[in-house]
């Protein structure tokens, strides 16, 4: 048994090194994304859509563009989609360790195939973003146009990025 202990220790060291020194996985590029970056508000907002295991996921990345990101106290956003009608929201009222970027996504449970025939060429999304910094509330609205073919699972991987 004593002769196997050094081999086990070496295997544990090599396994630990492989675990610690592996490169982090990069997020794959979404099937569709669109970014708005207005000069008069401190947020760059990207809405994206991606097929994950044949289910459409809608989400966003909100990036605070000013240097005082650690002063953000609360954040919430409401996303409403018109085409297939539905919505989702994200809220964080305790942002102690905010690094300036929030990414959130969820499966689009309101994207049902029966509604596809009723959609026009573009689906619209409205986003209400609100944040609290130093006791003051700020808010802004964003508007996006999502391509109709995004909701067709047969088109997966064929959607052009904006």
Protein backbone atom coordinates (compact mmCIF):
# COMPACT_ATOMS: atom_id res chain seq x y z
CA UNK A 1 0.00 0.00 0.00
CA UNK A 2 2.87 2.40 0.73
CA UNK A 3 4.03 2.08 -2.85
CA UNK A 4 0.72 3.48 -4.20
CA UNK A 5 0.65 6.61 -2.00
CA UNK A 6 3.26 8.53 -4.07
CA UNK A 7 1.38 7.67 -7.27
CA UNK A 8 -1.90 8.90 -5.75
CA UNK A 9 -0.25 12.13 -4.58
CA UNK A 10 1.24 12.73 -8.05
CA UNK A 11 -2.12 12.02 -9.71
CA UNK A 12 -3.86 14.43 -7.30
CA UNK A 13 -1.29 17.17 -8.02
CA UNK A 14 -1.60 16.72 -11.79
CA UNK A 15 -5.41 16.65 -11.59
CA UNK A 16 -5.45 19.78 -9.44
CA UNK A 17 -3.08 21.58 -11.81
CA UNK A 18 -5.26 20.68 -14.79
CA UNK A 19 -8.33 21.96 -12.99
CA UNK A 20 -6.72 25.22 -11.86
CA UNK A 21 -4.87 26.08 -15.08
CA UNK A 22 -7.57 25.28 -17.62
CA UNK A 23 -8.71 28.13 -19.83
CA UNK A 24 -12.14 29.52 -19.03
CA UNK A 25 -14.89 28.70 -21.49
CA UNK A 26 -15.90 31.58 -23.66
CA UNK A 27 -19.59 32.18 -24.20
CA UNK A 28 -20.55 31.30 -27.75
CA UNK A 29 -21.73 34.16 -29.90
CA UNK A 30 -25.53 34.45 -29.77
CA UNK A 31 -27.71 33.72 -32.78
CA UNK A 32 -28.85 37.36 -32.76
CA UNK A 33 -27.85 40.47 -30.84
CA UNK A 34 -28.34 44.21 -31.01
CA UNK A 35 -26.64 46.90 -28.89
CA UNK A 36 -27.74 50.40 -27.98
CA UNK A 37 -25.29 52.87 -26.51
CA UNK A 38 -26.74 56.33 -25.94
CA UNK A 39 -24.45 59.20 -25.00
CA UNK A 40 -26.86 60.64 -22.43
CA UNK A 41 -27.22 57.61 -20.14
CA UNK A 42 -24.53 55.60 -18.35
CA UNK A 43 -25.58 52.19 -19.73
CA UNK A 44 -24.77 50.22 -22.87
CA UNK A 45 -27.55 47.68 -23.36
CA UNK A 46 -27.38 44.57 -25.56
CA UNK A 47 -30.36 42.35 -26.19
CA UNK A 48 -29.63 38.87 -27.54
CA UNK A 49 -31.33 35.64 -28.52
CA UNK A 50 -29.85 32.18 -28.68
CA UNK A 51 -31.01 28.65 -29.30
CA UNK A 52 -30.03 26.38 -26.41
CA UNK A 53 -30.98 22.75 -26.89
CA UNK A 54 -33.67 23.76 -29.44
CA UNK A 55 -35.27 26.25 -27.05
CA UNK A 56 -35.09 29.95 -27.76
CA UNK A 57 -33.47 31.97 -24.98
CA UNK A 58 -33.89 35.74 -24.81
CA UNK A 59 -31.62 37.84 -22.65
CA UNK A 60 -29.64 41.00 -22.18
CA UNK A 61 -26.31 42.37 -21.08
CA UNK A 62 -26.34 45.76 -19.36
CA UNK A 63 -22.96 47.43 -18.94
CA UNK A 64 -22.54 50.46 -16.71
CA UNK A 65 -20.15 52.78 -18.55
CA UNK A 66 -19.14 55.19 -15.80
CA UNK A 67 -16.38 54.74 -13.19
CA UNK A 68 -18.66 54.66 -10.12
CA UNK A 69 -20.26 51.24 -10.77
CA UNK A 70 -19.66 50.23 -7.15
CA UNK A 71 -22.14 52.94 -6.08
CA UNK A 72 -25.08 51.24 -7.86
CA UNK A 73 -27.50 50.15 -5.13
CA UNK A 74 -30.27 48.47 -7.14
CA UNK A 75 -31.07 47.48 -10.72
CA UNK A 76 -34.16 46.23 -12.50
CA UNK A 77 -35.26 45.78 -16.06
CA UNK A 78 -38.50 44.78 -17.74
CA UNK A 79 -38.45 43.36 -21.28
CA UNK A 80 -41.71 43.20 -23.23
CA UNK A 81 -41.83 41.51 -26.62
CA UNK A 82 -44.57 42.29 -29.15
CA UNK A 83 -44.91 39.71 -31.92
CA UNK A 84 -45.40 36.79 -29.79
CA UNK A 85 -46.63 38.80 -26.80
CA UNK A 86 -44.70 38.13 -23.61
CA UNK A 87 -42.30 39.58 -21.10
CA UNK A 88 -39.67 38.87 -18.47
CA UNK A 89 -37.87 40.89 -15.85
CA UNK A 90 -34.71 40.92 -13.78
CA UNK A 91 -34.27 42.63 -10.44
CA UNK A 92 -31.36 42.91 -8.01
CA UNK A 93 -32.00 45.12 -4.99
CA UNK A 94 -28.76 44.33 -3.18
CA UNK A 95 -25.77 45.01 -5.43
CA UNK A 96 -22.87 44.96 -3.01
CA UNK A 97 -20.22 43.61 -5.40
CA UNK A 98 -21.39 45.07 -8.72
CA UNK A 99 -18.62 44.88 -11.31
CA UNK A 100 -20.41 46.98 -13.93
CA UNK A 101 -21.92 44.19 -16.07
CA UNK A 102 -25.19 42.29 -15.69
CA UNK A 103 -26.08 39.42 -18.01
CA UNK A 104 -29.40 37.62 -17.75
CA UNK A 105 -31.21 35.17 -20.01
CA UNK A 106 -34.19 32.86 -19.82
CA UNK A 107 -36.08 30.46 -22.06
CA UNK A 108 -38.74 32.21 -24.11
CA UNK A 109 -41.82 30.36 -22.86
CA UNK A 110 -44.20 32.68 -24.74
CA UNK A 111 -42.64 31.93 -28.15
CA UNK A 112 -45.14 29.37 -29.39
CA UNK A 113 -45.15 28.07 -32.92
CA UNK A 114 -48.85 28.82 -33.54
CA UNK A 115 -48.12 32.55 -33.25
CA UNK A 116 -45.52 32.54 -36.04
CA UNK A 117 -48.11 32.95 -38.79
CA UNK A 118 -49.44 36.06 -37.07
CA UNK A 119 -46.07 37.83 -36.84
CA UNK A 120 -44.85 40.47 -39.25
CA UNK A 121 -41.30 40.51 -40.58
CA UNK A 122 -40.05 42.18 -37.41
CA UNK A 123 -40.85 41.54 -33.79
CA UNK A 124 -40.56 44.51 -31.45
CA UNK A 125 -39.18 44.55 -27.93
CA UNK A 126 -39.42 47.33 -25.39
CA UNK A 127 -37.02 47.47 -22.44
CA UNK A 128 -37.47 49.55 -19.29
CA UNK A 129 -34.21 49.87 -17.33
CA UNK A 130 -34.13 51.44 -13.86
CA UNK A 131 -31.26 51.80 -11.39
CA UNK A 132 -30.61 53.41 -8.04
CA UNK A 133 -27.33 55.19 -7.33
CA UNK A 134 -26.59 57.27 -4.23
CA UNK A 135 -30.28 57.27 -3.32
CA UNK A 136 -31.38 58.65 -6.72
CA UNK A 137 -33.43 56.68 -9.23
CA UNK A 138 -32.55 56.72 -12.92
CA UNK A 139 -34.43 55.07 -15.75
CA UNK A 140 -34.37 54.71 -19.51
CA UNK A 141 -36.34 52.94 -22.24
CA UNK A 142 -34.78 51.01 -25.11
CA UNK A 143 -36.48 49.63 -28.21
CA UNK A 144 -35.31 46.72 -30.34
CA UNK A 145 -36.47 45.01 -33.51
CA UNK A 146 -35.97 41.25 -33.55
CA UNK A 147 -36.09 39.44 -36.90
CA UNK A 148 -39.08 37.14 -37.37
CA UNK A 149 -36.88 34.25 -38.53
CA UNK A 150 -35.35 34.25 -35.07
CA UNK A 151 -38.50 32.54 -33.82
CA UNK A 152 -38.35 29.81 -36.46
CA UNK A 153 -36.31 26.92 -35.04
CA UNK A 154 -35.65 25.73 -38.62
CA UNK A 155 -33.54 28.85 -39.18
CA UNK A 156 -31.18 28.15 -36.25
CA UNK A 157 -27.66 29.33 -37.00
CA UNK A 158 -28.71 31.21 -40.17
CA UNK A 159 -29.59 34.53 -38.58
CA UNK A 160 -27.41 37.53 -39.38
CA UNK A 161 -25.95 39.53 -36.49
CA UNK A 162 -26.60 43.24 -36.27
